[in-house]
């Protein structure tokens, strides 16, 4: 793993002293900044935006104000930021849906994530678990696949076209599992219906699912990440169960409008790494089992391109559309 000190040095501050028209370190920022989140207050995206903003505010010398603009798969928020001046004062909280899924889910978008945004920093990958009730006779993932041949189970996720939903469809195609999707309004609602016996299986992310798994209110059959979760080392990955290509995550990051000066992006990238590796946020990530890498903007961009190559063709193959 690349160390924090190495990444900070690699991101560096050299770009802050470039030629005419550049933003010098002493000239930016000169006023408060805003971090736009396309989801309501209280969720994982909002929570992490506020935690990171609180860490970055004193180092930037200006308040970072989190602005919630929910609506339409974060399309509204994405359009607001895409049309904002490329001056580093408006940031976008991004995730799988905003940068990767939406171009395949909507026939028309008021923004183009490939053209309108430049990545700044990575927040983390959220492992996804397949869970059942504690008393379910299915004891492992192989048993779930076998049982699904006789009767396809219902599986709940937080929403249509959520990372959880698309991950399960990927798993179905790569393992032979059968299942009928039941979308909910958020992960907690899906988990409540699982415990109530109204749905057979739930795909849940580590941020929402950890308390349920720890308390024994559900049983995790597998995790879709590349390696086992440090929180639940007894839960196998699908990869080690023989399904090498069944890997999926939810993830989050931060972007700015394309055209933002490189020195500003470099400064923000450096401050995001400092924030993410602060004791408070590092502890929060560890408690929730979220996987963080101190990626540079270029590394974040490469990651998004790999995600595009996997998920956009799958969404089109599935025929999922969110605008009719």
Foldseek 3Di string as FASTA:
>chain_A
DDDLVVLLVVLDLVLQPDDPPHHHLVPPPPEEAEEEEQDDPDDPLNVVVVLLQVLLCVVRVYHYHYHYRHDDLSLVVVLVQLPDDLALRYKYKDWCSPQANVVLFAVDGSDHNVAWKFFQWWQFWWWKFKKAFLPDPQDAPVSQQVVCVVPAFEEEEQAVPDLQVLLVVVVCVQPVHGHHYDYHNGDVVRLVCRLVVNGGIYIDTLQPCVVCCVVNRIDTRAIQAPADFPSCNPHHHVCVVPRVPSHTTITIGMIGTPPNRSSSSSVSLSSSSVSCPDPVNVVVCSVSRTGDDSDGSVVVVVVSVVSNVPRSVSSVVVVNHDPD
